[in-house]
Amino acid sequence: MSFLNNFLGTASAVESASVRPRYETSEAAEAYLLTVYLPGVAKENLEITGEAGELRIVGRRAWKQPDGWTSLYRETGEEPFELTFEHENVVDLDAIRAELRDGVLKLTLPKAESVKPRKISVA
């Protein structure tokens, strides 16, 4: 389990009618990095909200099955993606950066000043 998972806790799909997307986490010196795989989700259908202690990602797919079309096999359903991370206020919510490209969401979650290492000088 990575350092990020320890602080962000477990991710969960909140609504039963949603799907928890695949995601990866890592940590850099100044930020946590989160990659979330959201196939079929466009920027207009993506909602990222951050509150004290929680980061929530909801993505809705834009593609709709045409009338009269019958699917023989479909790898993914039409349910929205939903992912919620609980954290202990270790993320600077005002400085989060997000980029969505080809169904891959990359979030940079800067560490809050309170959790960054500090160098202490000796007098």
PDB file of N, CA and C in Angstrom:
ATOM      1  N   MET A   1       0.861  -1.183   0.000  1.00  0.00           N
ATOM      2  CA  MET A   1       0.000   0.000   0.000  1.00  0.00           C
ATOM      3  C   MET A   1       0.897   1.233   0.000  1.00  0.00           C
ATOM      4  N   SER A   2       0.621   2.138  -0.899  1.00  0.00           N
ATOM      5  CA  SER A   2       1.458   3.321  -1.020  1.00  0.00           C
ATOM      6  C   SER A   2       1.138   4.349   0.059  1.00  0.00           C
ATOM      7  N   PHE A   3       2.024   5.288   0.194  1.00  0.00           N
ATOM      8  CA  PHE A   3       1.849   6.381   1.151  1.00  0.00           C
ATOM      9  C   PHE A   3       0.551   7.132   0.881  1.00  0.00           C
ATOM     10  N   LEU A   4       0.232   7.333  -0.406  1.00  0.00           N
ATOM     11  CA  LEU A   4      -0.997   8.024  -0.780  1.00  0.00           C
ATOM     12  C   LEU A   4      -2.224   7.276  -0.290  1.00  0.00           C
ATOM     13  N   ASN A   5      -2.262   5.972  -0.466  1.00  0.00           N
ATOM     14  CA  ASN A   5      -3.409   5.205  -0.003  1.00  0.00           C
ATOM     15  C   ASN A   5      -3.575   5.309   1.503  1.00  0.00           C
ATOM     16  N   ASN A   6      -2.469   5.354   2.233  1.00  0.00           N
ATOM     17  CA  ASN A   6      -2.570   5.507   3.682  1.00  0.00           C
ATOM     18  C   ASN A   6      -3.268   6.802   4.051  1.00  0.00           C
ATOM     19  N   PHE A   7      -2.955   7.880   3.348  1.00  0.00           N
ATOM     20  CA  PHE A   7      -3.554   9.155   3.689  1.00  0.00           C
ATOM     21  C   PHE A   7      -4.912   9.357   3.048  1.00  0.00           C
ATOM     22  N   LEU A   8      -5.080   8.907   1.817  1.00  0.00           N
ATOM     23  CA  LEU A   8      -6.367   9.104   1.178  1.00  0.00           C
ATOM     24  C   LEU A   8      -7.372   8.052   1.597  1.00  0.00           C
ATOM     25  N   GLY A   9      -6.940   7.031   2.245  1.00  0.00           N
ATOM     26  CA  GLY A   9      -7.868   6.011   2.704  1.00  0.00           C
ATOM     27  C   GLY A   9      -8.334   5.145   1.561  1.00  0.00           C
ATOM     28  N   THR A  10      -9.471   4.545   1.709  1.00  0.00           N
ATOM     29  CA  THR A  10      -9.970   3.655   0.679  1.00  0.00           C
ATOM     30  C   THR A  10     -10.912   4.407  -0.239  1.00  0.00           C
ATOM     31  N   ALA A  11     -10.913   4.014  -1.474  1.00  0.00           N
ATOM     32  CA  ALA A  11     -11.827   4.598  -2.450  1.00  0.00           C
ATOM     33  C   ALA A  11     -13.055   3.725  -2.510  1.00  0.00           C
ATOM     34  N   SER A  12     -14.179   4.341  -2.774  1.00  0.00           N
ATOM     35  CA  SER A  12     -15.409   3.561  -2.853  1.00  0.00           C
ATOM     36  C   SER A  12     -16.355   4.156  -3.878  1.00  0.00           C
ATOM     37  N   ALA A  13     -17.217   3.313  -4.396  1.00  0.00           N
ATOM     38  CA  ALA A  13     -18.311   3.778  -5.245  1.00  0.00           C
ATOM     39  C   ALA A  13     -19.477   4.041  -4.309  1.00  0.00           C
ATOM     40  N   VAL A  14     -19.944   5.278  -4.251  1.00  0.00           N
ATOM     41  CA  VAL A  14     -20.944   5.669  -3.266  1.00  0.00           C
ATOM     42  C   VAL A  14     -22.327   5.164  -3.637  1.00  0.00           C
ATOM     43  N   GLU A  15     -22.760   5.381  -4.878  1.00  0.00           N
ATOM     44  CA  GLU A  15     -24.096   4.964  -5.275  1.00  0.00           C
ATOM     45  C   GLU A  15     -24.041   3.542  -5.826  1.00  0.00           C
ATOM     46  N   SER A  16     -25.089   2.772  -5.582  1.00  0.00           N
ATOM     47  CA  SER A  16     -25.126   1.408  -6.097  1.00  0.00           C
ATOM     48  C   SER A  16     -25.268   1.393  -7.609  1.00  0.00           C
ATOM     49  N   ALA A  17     -25.786   2.461  -8.206  1.00  0.00           N
ATOM     50  CA  ALA A  17     -25.970   2.529  -9.650  1.00  0.00           C
ATOM     51  C   ALA A  17     -24.752   3.124 -10.340  1.00  0.00           C
ATOM     52  N   SER A  18     -23.597   3.086  -9.714  1.00  0.00           N
ATOM     53  CA  SER A  18     -22.383   3.613 -10.312  1.00  0.00           C
ATOM     54  C   SER A  18     -21.308   2.542 -10.289  1.00  0.00           C
ATOM     55  N   VAL A  19     -20.245   2.791 -11.034  1.00  0.00           N
ATOM     56  CA  VAL A  19     -19.137   1.865 -11.157  1.00  0.00           C
ATOM     57  C   VAL A  19     -17.881   2.535 -10.622  1.00  0.00           C
ATOM     58  N   ARG A  20     -17.095   1.811  -9.851  1.00  0.00           N
ATOM     59  CA  ARG A  20     -15.824   2.354  -9.379  1.00  0.00           C
ATOM     60  C   ARG A  20     -14.778   2.146 -10.467  1.00  0.00           C
ATOM     61  N   PRO A  21     -14.204   3.228 -10.992  1.00  0.00           N
ATOM     62  CA  PRO A  21     -13.220   3.087 -12.065  1.00  0.00           C
ATOM     63  C   PRO A  21     -11.875   2.582 -11.533  1.00  0.00           C
ATOM     64  N   ARG A  22     -11.072   2.074 -12.451  1.00  0.00           N
ATOM     65  CA  ARG A  22      -9.718   1.664 -12.100  1.00  0.00           C
ATOM     66  C   ARG A  22      -8.893   2.926 -11.897  1.00  0.00           C
ATOM     67  N   TYR A  23      -7.992   2.888 -10.942  1.00  0.00           N
ATOM     68  CA  TYR A  23      -7.159   4.060 -10.671  1.00  0.00           C
ATOM     69  C   TYR A  23      -5.800   3.627 -10.146  1.00  0.00           C
ATOM     70  N   GLU A  24      -4.835   4.543 -10.228  1.00  0.00           N
ATOM     71  CA  GLU A  24      -3.480   4.322  -9.728  1.00  0.00           C
ATOM     72  C   GLU A  24      -3.063   5.547  -8.931  1.00  0.00           C
ATOM     73  N   THR A  25      -2.253   5.323  -7.905  1.00  0.00           N
ATOM     74  CA  THR A  25      -1.775   6.420  -7.078  1.00  0.00           C
ATOM     75  C   THR A  25      -0.259   6.359  -6.970  1.00  0.00           C
ATOM     76  N   SER A  26       0.337   7.517  -6.785  1.00  0.00           N
ATOM     77  CA  SER A  26       1.770   7.595  -6.508  1.00  0.00           C
ATOM     78  C   SER A  26       2.020   8.881  -5.732  1.00  0.00           C
ATOM     79  N   GLU A  27       3.243   9.027  -5.293  1.00  0.00           N
ATOM     80  CA  GLU A  27       3.586  10.199  -4.494  1.00  0.00           C
ATOM     81  C   GLU A  27       4.870  10.820  -5.006  1.00  0.00           C
ATOM     82  N   ALA A  28       4.875  12.130  -5.130  1.00  0.00           N
ATOM     83  CA  ALA A  28       6.061  12.910  -5.455  1.00  0.00           C
ATOM     84  C   ALA A  28       6.397  13.743  -4.225  1.00  0.00           C
ATOM     85  N   ALA A  29       7.482  14.464  -4.278  1.00  0.00           N
ATOM     86  CA  ALA A  29       7.922  15.248  -3.120  1.00  0.00           C
ATOM     87  C   ALA A  29       6.893  16.290  -2.695  1.00  0.00           C
ATOM     88  N   GLU A  30       6.263  16.945  -3.659  1.00  0.00           N
ATOM     89  CA  GLU A  30       5.356  18.046  -3.353  1.00  0.00           C
ATOM     90  C   GLU A  30       3.874  17.714  -3.508  1.00  0.00           C
ATOM     91  N   ALA A  31       3.561  16.534  -4.084  1.00  0.00           N
ATOM     92  CA  ALA A  31       2.151  16.252  -4.382  1.00  0.00           C
ATOM     93  C   ALA A  31       1.894  14.749  -4.460  1.00  0.00           C
ATOM     94  N   TYR A  32       0.623  14.402  -4.355  1.00  0.00           N
ATOM     95  CA  TYR A  32       0.158  13.052  -4.640  1.00  0.00           C
ATOM     96  C   TYR A  32      -0.334  13.063  -6.077  1.00  0.00           C
ATOM     97  N   LEU A  33      -0.145  11.966  -6.764  1.00  0.00           N
ATOM     98  CA  LEU A  33      -0.573  11.864  -8.152  1.00  0.00           C
ATOM     99  C   LEU A  33      -1.621  10.762  -8.251  1.00  0.00           C
ATOM    100  N   LEU A  34      -2.705  11.057  -8.938  1.00  0.00           N
ATOM    101  CA  LEU A  34      -3.816  10.132  -9.064  1.00  0.00           C
ATOM    102  C   LEU A  34      -4.194  10.038 -10.538  1.00  0.00           C
ATOM    103  N   THR A  35      -4.210   8.817 -11.074  1.00  0.00           N
ATOM    104  CA  THR A  35      -4.625   8.570 -12.448  1.00  0.00           C
ATOM    105  C   THR A  35      -5.877   7.713 -12.394  1.00  0.00           C
ATOM    106  N   VAL A  36      -6.953   8.194 -13.029  1.00  0.00           N
ATOM    107  CA  VAL A  36      -8.236   7.493 -13.012  1.00  0.00           C
ATOM    108  C   VAL A  36      -8.624   7.212 -14.459  1.00  0.00           C
ATOM    109  N   TYR A  37      -8.999   5.961 -14.743  1.00  0.00           N
ATOM    110  CA  TYR A  37      -9.367   5.541 -16.089  1.00  0.00           C
ATOM    111  C   TYR A  37     -10.880   5.631 -16.256  1.00  0.00           C
ATOM    112  N   LEU A  38     -11.318   6.528 -17.135  1.00  0.00           N
ATOM    113  CA  LEU A  38     -12.739   6.824 -17.345  1.00  0.00           C
ATOM    114  C   LEU A  38     -13.100   6.702 -18.820  1.00  0.00           C
ATOM    115  N   PRO A  39     -13.129   5.494 -19.377  1.00  0.00           N
ATOM    116  CA  PRO A  39     -13.427   5.359 -20.811  1.00  0.00           C
ATOM    117  C   PRO A  39     -14.812   5.873 -21.157  1.00  0.00           C
ATOM    118  N   GLY A  40     -14.870   6.662 -22.232  1.00  0.00           N
ATOM    119  CA  GLY A  40     -16.146   7.188 -22.705  1.00  0.00           C
ATOM    120  C   GLY A  40     -16.610   8.454 -22.013  1.00  0.00           C
ATOM    121  N   VAL A  41     -15.831   8.992 -21.084  1.00  0.00           N
ATOM    122  CA  VAL A  41     -16.220  10.203 -20.355  1.00  0.00           C
ATOM    123  C   VAL A  41     -15.568  11.424 -21.000  1.00  0.00           C
ATOM    124  N   ALA A  42     -16.377  12.414 -21.342  1.00  0.00           N
ATOM    125  CA  ALA A  42     -15.889  13.675 -21.897  1.00  0.00           C
ATOM    126  C   ALA A  42     -15.740  14.697 -20.768  1.00  0.00           C
ATOM    127  N   LYS A  43     -14.963  15.719 -21.040  1.00  0.00           N
ATOM    128  CA  LYS A  43     -14.712  16.764 -20.040  1.00  0.00           C
ATOM    129  C   LYS A  43     -16.003  17.392 -19.526  1.00  0.00           C
ATOM    130  N   GLU A  44     -16.995  17.562 -20.411  1.00  0.00           N
ATOM    131  CA  GLU A  44     -18.265  18.175 -20.019  1.00  0.00           C
ATOM    132  C   GLU A  44     -19.052  17.299 -19.039  1.00  0.00           C
ATOM    133  N   ASN A  45     -18.763  16.018 -19.022  1.00  0.00           N
ATOM    134  CA  ASN A  45     -19.501  15.083 -18.167  1.00  0.00           C
ATOM    135  C   ASN A  45     -18.697  14.631 -16.955  1.00  0.00           C
ATOM    136  N   LEU A  46     -17.703  15.409 -16.597  1.00  0.00           N
ATOM    137  CA  LEU A  46     -16.841  15.075 -15.469  1.00  0.00           C
ATOM    138  C   LEU A  46     -17.018  16.101 -14.366  1.00  0.00           C
ATOM    139  N   GLU A  47     -17.200  15.625 -13.155  1.00  0.00           N
ATOM    140  CA  GLU A  47     -17.360  16.508 -12.000  1.00  0.00           C
ATOM    141  C   GLU A  47     -16.390  16.067 -10.905  1.00  0.00           C
ATOM    142  N   ILE A  48     -15.539  16.995 -10.480  1.00  0.00           N
ATOM    143  CA  ILE A  48     -14.579  16.728  -9.409  1.00  0.00           C
ATOM    144  C   ILE A  48     -14.863  17.727  -8.305  1.00  0.00           C
ATOM    145  N   THR A  49     -15.143  17.241  -7.110  1.00  0.00           N
ATOM    146  CA  THR A  49     -15.412  18.135  -5.990  1.00  0.00           C
ATOM    147  C   THR A  49     -14.487  17.781  -4.832  1.00  0.00           C
ATOM    148  N   GLY A  50     -14.043  18.814  -4.161  1.00  0.00           N
ATOM    149  CA  GLY A  50     -13.188  18.631  -3.002  1.00  0.00           C
ATOM    150  C   GLY A  50     -13.733  19.394  -1.821  1.00  0.00           C
ATOM    151  N   GLU A  51     -13.876  18.710  -0.734  1.00  0.00           N
ATOM    152  CA  GLU A  51     -14.281  19.333   0.523  1.00  0.00           C
ATOM    153  C   GLU A  51     -13.271  18.906   1.565  1.00  0.00           C
ATOM    154  N   ALA A  52     -13.355  19.496   2.725  1.00  0.00           N
ATOM    155  CA  ALA A  52     -12.453  19.125   3.806  1.00  0.00           C
ATOM    156  C   ALA A  52     -12.601  17.636   4.083  1.00  0.00           C
ATOM    157  N   GLY A  53     -11.538  16.906   3.844  1.00  0.00           N
ATOM    158  CA  GLY A  53     -11.546  15.484   4.148  1.00  0.00           C
ATOM    159  C   GLY A  53     -12.073  14.575   3.062  1.00  0.00           C
ATOM    160  N   GLU A  54     -12.468  15.111   1.879  1.00  0.00           N
ATOM    161  CA  GLU A  54     -13.026  14.236   0.848  1.00  0.00           C
ATOM    162  C   GLU A  54     -12.774  14.785  -0.553  1.00  0.00           C
ATOM    163  N   LEU A  55     -12.447  13.888  -1.472  1.00  0.00           N
ATOM    164  CA  LEU A  55     -12.317  14.201  -2.881  1.00  0.00           C
ATOM    165  C   LEU A  55     -13.238  13.246  -3.632  1.00  0.00           C
ATOM    166  N   ARG A  56     -14.127  13.791  -4.480  1.00  0.00           N
ATOM    167  CA  ARG A  56     -15.123  12.970  -5.167  1.00  0.00           C
ATOM    168  C   ARG A  56     -15.039  13.219  -6.667  1.00  0.00           C
ATOM    169  N   ILE A  57     -15.020  12.120  -7.434  1.00  0.00           N
ATOM    170  CA  ILE A  57     -14.952  12.178  -8.886  1.00  0.00           C
ATOM    171  C   ILE A  57     -16.160  11.431  -9.445  1.00  0.00           C
ATOM    172  N   VAL A  58     -16.935  12.114 -10.295  1.00  0.00           N
ATOM    173  CA  VAL A  58     -18.093  11.491 -10.946  1.00  0.00           C
ATOM    174  C   VAL A  58     -17.962  11.760 -12.439  1.00  0.00           C
ATOM    175  N   GLY A  59     -18.034  10.694 -13.245  1.00  0.00           N
ATOM    176  CA  GLY A  59     -17.945  10.815 -14.690  1.00  0.00           C
ATOM    177  C   GLY A  59     -19.089  10.077 -15.354  1.00  0.00           C
ATOM    178  N   ARG A  60     -19.771  10.766 -16.257  1.00  0.00           N
ATOM    179  CA  ARG A  60     -20.884  10.154 -16.987  1.00  0.00           C
ATOM    180  C   ARG A  60     -20.492   9.996 -18.441  1.00  0.00           C
ATOM    181  N   ARG A  61     -20.807   8.842 -19.010  1.00  0.00           N
ATOM    182  CA  ARG A  61     -20.466   8.566 -20.408  1.00  0.00           C
ATOM    183  C   ARG A  61     -21.460   9.256 -21.333  1.00  0.00           C
ATOM    184  N   ALA A  62     -20.950   9.783 -22.432  1.00  0.00           N
ATOM    185  CA  ALA A  62     -21.791  10.533 -23.360  1.00  0.00           C
ATOM    186  C   ALA A  62     -22.426   9.638 -24.421  1.00  0.00           C
ATOM    187  N   TRP A  63     -21.887   8.468 -24.669  1.00  0.00           N
ATOM    188  CA  TRP A  63     -22.375   7.609 -25.743  1.00  0.00           C
ATOM    189  C   TRP A  63     -23.679   6.949 -25.339  1.00  0.00           C
ATOM    190  N   LYS A  64     -24.633   6.978 -26.248  1.00  0.00           N
ATOM    191  CA  LYS A  64     -25.923   6.305 -26.044  1.00  0.00           C
ATOM    192  C   LYS A  64     -26.119   5.296 -27.163  1.00  0.00           C
ATOM    193  N   GLN A  65     -26.665   4.152 -26.840  1.00  0.00           N
ATOM    194  CA  GLN A  65     -26.922   3.109 -27.827  1.00  0.00           C
ATOM    195  C   GLN A  65     -27.995   3.571 -28.805  1.00  0.00           C
ATOM    196  N   PRO A  66     -27.738   3.470 -30.109  1.00  0.00           N
ATOM    197  CA  PRO A  66     -28.725   3.892 -31.105  1.00  0.00           C
ATOM    198  C   PRO A  66     -29.984   3.017 -31.050  1.00  0.00           C
ATOM    199  N   ASP A  67     -31.126   3.598 -31.412  1.00  0.00           N
ATOM    200  CA  ASP A  67     -32.383   2.850 -31.468  1.00  0.00           C
ATOM    201  C   ASP A  67     -32.268   1.724 -32.488  1.00  0.00           C
ATOM    202  N   GLY A  68     -32.796   0.575 -32.150  1.00  0.00           N
ATOM    203  CA  GLY A  68     -32.792  -0.562 -33.048  1.00  0.00           C
ATOM    204  C   GLY A  68     -31.477  -1.322 -33.100  1.00  0.00           C
ATOM    205  N   TRP A  69     -30.506  -0.889 -32.337  1.00  0.00           N
ATOM    206  CA  TRP A  69     -29.191  -1.520 -32.335  1.00  0.00           C
ATOM    207  C   TRP A  69     -29.142  -2.537 -31.209  1.00  0.00           C
ATOM    208  N   THR A  70     -28.676  -3.741 -31.499  1.00  0.00           N
ATOM    209  CA  THR A  70     -28.583  -4.791 -30.488  1.00  0.00           C
ATOM    210  C   THR A  70     -27.118  -5.107 -30.232  1.00  0.00           C
ATOM    211  N   SER A  71     -26.733  -5.049 -29.004  1.00  0.00           N
ATOM    212  CA  SER A  71     -25.358  -5.335 -28.614  1.00  0.00           C
ATOM    213  C   SER A  71     -25.205  -6.822 -28.315  1.00  0.00           C
ATOM    214  N   LEU A  72     -24.214  -7.452 -28.915  1.00  0.00           N
ATOM    215  CA  LEU A  72     -23.938  -8.851 -28.625  1.00  0.00           C
ATOM    216  C   LEU A  72     -23.054  -8.976 -27.386  1.00  0.00           C
ATOM    217  N   TYR A  73     -22.127  -8.055 -27.246  1.00  0.00           N
ATOM    218  CA  TYR A  73     -21.235  -8.051 -26.089  1.00  0.00           C
ATOM    219  C   TYR A  73     -20.790  -6.619 -25.840  1.00  0.00           C
ATOM    220  N   ARG A  74     -20.757  -6.254 -24.594  1.00  0.00           N
ATOM    221  CA  ARG A  74     -20.303  -4.919 -24.236  1.00  0.00           C
ATOM    222  C   ARG A  74     -19.437  -5.035 -23.002  1.00  0.00           C
ATOM    223  N   GLU A  75     -18.247  -4.496 -23.086  1.00  0.00           N
ATOM    224  CA  GLU A  75     -17.286  -4.621 -21.995  1.00  0.00           C
ATOM    225  C   GLU A  75     -17.652  -3.742 -20.804  1.00  0.00           C
ATOM    226  N   THR A  76     -18.269  -2.603 -21.069  1.00  0.00           N
ATOM    227  CA  THR A  76     -18.656  -1.702 -19.994  1.00  0.00           C
ATOM    228  C   THR A  76     -20.127  -1.323 -20.138  1.00  0.00           C
ATOM    229  N   GLY A  77     -20.756  -1.045 -19.030  1.00  0.00           N
ATOM    230  CA  GLY A  77     -22.155  -0.633 -19.034  1.00  0.00           C
ATOM    231  C   GLY A  77     -22.290   0.864 -19.187  1.00  0.00           C
ATOM    232  N   GLU A  78     -23.484   1.364 -18.971  1.00  0.00           N
ATOM    233  CA  GLU A  78     -23.737   2.791 -19.105  1.00  0.00           C
ATOM    234  C   GLU A  78     -23.769   3.517 -17.767  1.00  0.00           C
ATOM    235  N   GLU A  79     -23.530   2.797 -16.685  1.00  0.00           N
ATOM    236  CA  GLU A  79     -23.557   3.423 -15.362  1.00  0.00           C
ATOM    237  C   GLU A  79     -22.456   4.480 -15.260  1.00  0.00           C
ATOM    238  N   PRO A  80     -22.698   5.531 -14.517  1.00  0.00           N
ATOM    239  CA  PRO A  80     -21.649   6.536 -14.323  1.00  0.00           C
ATOM    240  C   PRO A  80     -20.532   5.990 -13.439  1.00  0.00           C
ATOM    241  N   PHE A  81     -19.354   6.555 -13.606  1.00  0.00           N
ATOM    242  CA  PHE A  81     -18.231   6.236 -12.733  1.00  0.00           C
ATOM    243  C   PHE A  81     -18.330   7.126 -11.503  1.00  0.00           C
ATOM    244  N   GLU A  82     -18.001   6.573 -10.350  1.00  0.00           N
ATOM    245  CA  GLU A  82     -17.972   7.389  -9.141  1.00  0.00           C
ATOM    246  C   GLU A  82     -16.883   6.860  -8.213  1.00  0.00           C
ATOM    247  N   LEU A  83     -16.069   7.785  -7.724  1.00  0.00           N
ATOM    248  CA  LEU A  83     -14.954   7.437  -6.863  1.00  0.00           C
ATOM    249  C   LEU A  83     -14.843   8.501  -5.783  1.00  0.00           C
ATOM    250  N   THR A  84     -14.784   8.075  -4.536  1.00  0.00           N
ATOM    251  CA  THR A  84     -14.661   9.007  -3.420  1.00  0.00           C
ATOM    252  C   THR A  84     -13.471   8.614  -2.571  1.00  0.00           C
ATOM    253  N   PHE A  85     -12.600   9.581  -2.319  1.00  0.00           N
ATOM    254  CA  PHE A  85     -11.449   9.370  -1.446  1.00  0.00           C
ATOM    255  C   PHE A  85     -11.638  10.187  -0.183  1.00  0.00           C
ATOM    256  N   GLU A  86     -11.417   9.561   0.927  1.00  0.00           N
ATOM    257  CA  GLU A  86     -11.394  10.299   2.193  1.00  0.00           C
ATOM    258  C   GLU A  86      -9.937  10.494   2.577  1.00  0.00           C
ATOM    259  N   HIS A  87      -9.628  11.680   3.015  1.00  0.00           N
ATOM    260  CA  HIS A  87      -8.251  11.970   3.438  1.00  0.00           C
ATOM    261  C   HIS A  87      -8.294  12.791   4.725  1.00  0.00           C
ATOM    262  N   GLU A  88      -7.158  12.918   5.321  1.00  0.00           N
ATOM    263  CA  GLU A  88      -7.071  13.622   6.604  1.00  0.00           C
ATOM    264  C   GLU A  88      -6.546  15.040   6.405  1.00  0.00           C
ATOM    265  N   ASN A  89      -7.141  15.750   5.435  1.00  0.00           N
ATOM    266  CA  ASN A  89      -6.766  17.128   5.120  1.00  0.00           C
ATOM    267  C   ASN A  89      -5.278  17.270   4.806  1.00  0.00           C
ATOM    268  N   VAL A  90      -4.749  16.295   4.048  1.00  0.00           N
ATOM    269  CA  VAL A  90      -3.355  16.341   3.648  1.00  0.00           C
ATOM    270  C   VAL A  90      -3.183  16.909   2.242  1.00  0.00           C
ATOM    271  N   VAL A  91      -4.293  17.327   1.618  1.00  0.00           N
ATOM    272  CA  VAL A  91      -4.282  17.843   0.253  1.00  0.00           C
ATOM    273  C   VAL A  91      -4.690  19.311   0.264  1.00  0.00           C
ATOM    274  N   ASP A  92      -3.953  20.135  -0.500  1.00  0.00           N
ATOM    275  CA  ASP A  92      -4.308  21.546  -0.671  1.00  0.00           C
ATOM    276  C   ASP A  92      -5.374  21.612  -1.762  1.00  0.00           C
ATOM    277  N   LEU A  93      -6.639  21.658  -1.382  1.00  0.00           N
ATOM    278  CA  LEU A  93      -7.756  21.595  -2.328  1.00  0.00           C
ATOM    279  C   LEU A  93      -7.767  22.751  -3.321  1.00  0.00           C
ATOM    280  N   ASP A  94      -7.262  23.906  -2.935  1.00  0.00           N
ATOM    281  CA  ASP A  94      -7.267  25.071  -3.816  1.00  0.00           C
ATOM    282  C   ASP A  94      -6.251  24.969  -4.951  1.00  0.00           C
ATOM    283  N   ALA A  95      -5.286  24.065  -4.840  1.00  0.00           N
ATOM    284  CA  ALA A  95      -4.218  23.977  -5.834  1.00  0.00           C
ATOM    285  C   ALA A  95      -4.271  22.690  -6.669  1.00  0.00           C
ATOM    286  N   ILE A  96      -5.343  21.928  -6.589  1.00  0.00           N
ATOM    287  CA  ILE A  96      -5.461  20.689  -7.358  1.00  0.00           C
ATOM    288  C   ILE A  96      -5.506  21.008  -8.851  1.00  0.00           C
ATOM    289  N   ARG A  97      -4.763  20.243  -9.644  1.00  0.00           N
ATOM    290  CA  ARG A  97      -4.780  20.377 -11.099  1.00  0.00           C
ATOM    291  C   ARG A  97      -5.313  19.083 -11.703  1.00  0.00           C
ATOM    292  N   ALA A  98      -6.145  19.198 -12.734  1.00  0.00           N
ATOM    293  CA  ALA A  98      -6.739  18.024 -13.381  1.00  0.00           C
ATOM    294  C   ALA A  98      -6.637  18.151 -14.887  1.00  0.00           C
ATOM    295  N   GLU A  99      -6.360  17.014 -15.544  1.00  0.00           N
ATOM    296  CA  GLU A  99      -6.298  16.963 -17.006  1.00  0.00           C
ATOM    297  C   GLU A  99      -6.957  15.667 -17.461  1.00  0.00           C
ATOM    298  N   LEU A 100      -7.881  15.761 -18.408  1.00  0.00           N
ATOM    299  CA  LEU A 100      -8.552  14.594 -18.975  1.00  0.00           C
ATOM    300  C   LEU A 100      -8.178  14.494 -20.444  1.00  0.00           C
ATOM    301  N   ARG A 101      -7.584  13.367 -20.819  1.00  0.00           N
ATOM    302  CA  ARG A 101      -7.208  13.153 -22.210  1.00  0.00           C
ATOM    303  C   ARG A 101      -7.436  11.688 -22.562  1.00  0.00           C
ATOM    304  N   ASP A 102      -8.237  11.451 -23.601  1.00  0.00           N
ATOM    305  CA  ASP A 102      -8.511  10.094 -24.092  1.00  0.00           C
ATOM    306  C   ASP A 102      -9.021   9.164 -22.994  1.00  0.00           C
ATOM    307  N   GLY A 103      -9.896   9.670 -22.141  1.00  0.00           N
ATOM    308  CA  GLY A 103     -10.490   8.850 -21.093  1.00  0.00           C
ATOM    309  C   GLY A 103      -9.614   8.602 -19.890  1.00  0.00           C
ATOM    310  N   VAL A 104      -8.480   9.293 -19.808  1.00  0.00           N
ATOM    311  CA  VAL A 104      -7.575   9.145 -18.665  1.00  0.00           C
ATOM    312  C   VAL A 104      -7.497  10.476 -17.934  1.00  0.00           C
ATOM    313  N   LEU A 105      -7.933  10.475 -16.688  1.00  0.00           N
ATOM    314  CA  LEU A 105      -7.902  11.668 -15.849  1.00  0.00           C
ATOM    315  C   LEU A 105      -6.644  11.630 -14.994  1.00  0.00           C
ATOM    316  N   LYS A 106      -5.853  12.707 -15.069  1.00  0.00           N
ATOM    317  CA  LYS A 106      -4.646  12.811 -14.248  1.00  0.00           C
ATOM    318  C   LYS A 106      -4.826  13.988 -13.304  1.00  0.00           C
ATOM    319  N   LEU A 107      -4.769  13.681 -12.016  1.00  0.00           N
ATOM    320  CA  LEU A 107      -4.911  14.699 -10.977  1.00  0.00           C
ATOM    321  C   LEU A 107      -3.590  14.864 -10.243  1.00  0.00           C
ATOM    322  N   THR A 108      -3.212  16.110 -10.031  1.00  0.00           N
ATOM    323  CA  THR A 108      -2.073  16.433  -9.180  1.00  0.00           C
ATOM    324  C   THR A 108      -2.644  17.053  -7.922  1.00  0.00           C
ATOM    325  N   LEU A 109      -2.431  16.396  -6.795  1.00  0.00           N
ATOM    326  CA  LEU A 109      -2.984  16.830  -5.516  1.00  0.00           C
ATOM    327  C   LEU A 109      -1.849  17.347  -4.639  1.00  0.00           C
ATOM    328  N   PRO A 110      -1.580  18.653  -4.674  1.00  0.00           N
ATOM    329  CA  PRO A 110      -0.478  19.199  -3.872  1.00  0.00           C
ATOM    330  C   PRO A 110      -0.680  18.920  -2.387  1.00  0.00           C
ATOM    331  N   LYS A 111       0.422  18.615  -1.737  1.00  0.00           N
ATOM    332  CA  LYS A 111       0.364  18.337  -0.298  1.00  0.00           C
ATOM    333  C   LYS A 111       0.106  19.628   0.463  1.00  0.00           C
ATOM    334  N   ALA A 112      -0.685  19.499   1.506  1.00  0.00           N
ATOM    335  CA  ALA A 112      -0.927  20.639   2.389  1.00  0.00           C
ATOM    336  C   ALA A 112       0.372  20.966   3.114  1.00  0.00           C
ATOM    337  N   GLU A 113       0.563  22.235   3.424  1.00  0.00           N
ATOM    338  CA  GLU A 113       1.789  22.656   4.114  1.00  0.00           C
ATOM    339  C   GLU A 113       2.006  21.893   5.415  1.00  0.00           C
ATOM    340  N   SER A 114       0.929  21.521   6.074  1.00  0.00           N
ATOM    341  CA  SER A 114       1.056  20.850   7.373  1.00  0.00           C
ATOM    342  C   SER A 114       1.681  19.461   7.281  1.00  0.00           C
ATOM    343  N   VAL A 115       1.699  18.841   6.094  1.00  0.00           N
ATOM    344  CA  VAL A 115       2.277  17.505   5.973  1.00  0.00           C
ATOM    345  C   VAL A 115       3.601  17.484   5.231  1.00  0.00           C
ATOM    346  N   LYS A 116       4.039  18.642   4.733  1.00  0.00           N
ATOM    347  CA  LYS A 116       5.338  18.698   4.036  1.00  0.00           C
ATOM    348  C   LYS A 116       6.473  18.632   5.053  1.00  0.00           C
ATOM    349  N   PRO A 117       7.565  17.966   4.680  1.00  0.00           N
ATOM    350  CA  PRO A 117       8.707  17.908   5.592  1.00  0.00           C
ATOM    351  C   PRO A 117       9.305  19.295   5.778  1.00  0.00           C
ATOM    352  N   ARG A 118       9.815  19.533   6.946  1.00  0.00           N
ATOM    353  CA  ARG A 118      10.425  20.828   7.259  1.00  0.00           C
ATOM    354  C   ARG A 118      11.845  20.597   7.752  1.00  0.00           C
ATOM    355  N   LYS A 119      12.703  21.516   7.362  1.00  0.00           N
ATOM    356  CA  LYS A 119      14.074  21.478   7.858  1.00  0.00           C
ATOM    357  C   LYS A 119      14.138  22.393   9.072  1.00  0.00           C
ATOM    358  N   ILE A 120      14.603  21.870  10.140  1.00  0.00           N
ATOM    359  CA  ILE A 120      14.685  22.634  11.387  1.00  0.00           C
ATOM    360  C   ILE A 120      16.143  23.007  11.644  1.00  0.00           C
ATOM    361  N   SER A 121      16.367  24.301  11.765  1.00  0.00           N
ATOM    362  CA  SER A 121      17.734  24.745  12.034  1.00  0.00           C
ATOM    363  C   SER A 121      18.009  24.728  13.530  1.00  0.00           C
ATOM    364  N   VAL A 122      19.222  24.412  13.835  1.00  0.00           N
ATOM    365  CA  VAL A 122      19.645  24.322  15.244  1.00  0.00           C
ATOM    366  C   VAL A 122      20.372  25.612  15.605  1.00  0.00           C
ATOM    367  N   ALA A 123      19.979  26.217  16.727  1.00  0.00           N
ATOM    368  CA  ALA A 123      20.581  27.479  17.152  1.00  0.00           C
ATOM    369  C   ALA A 123      21.820  27.217  17.974  1.00  0.00           C
TER     370      ALA A 123
END
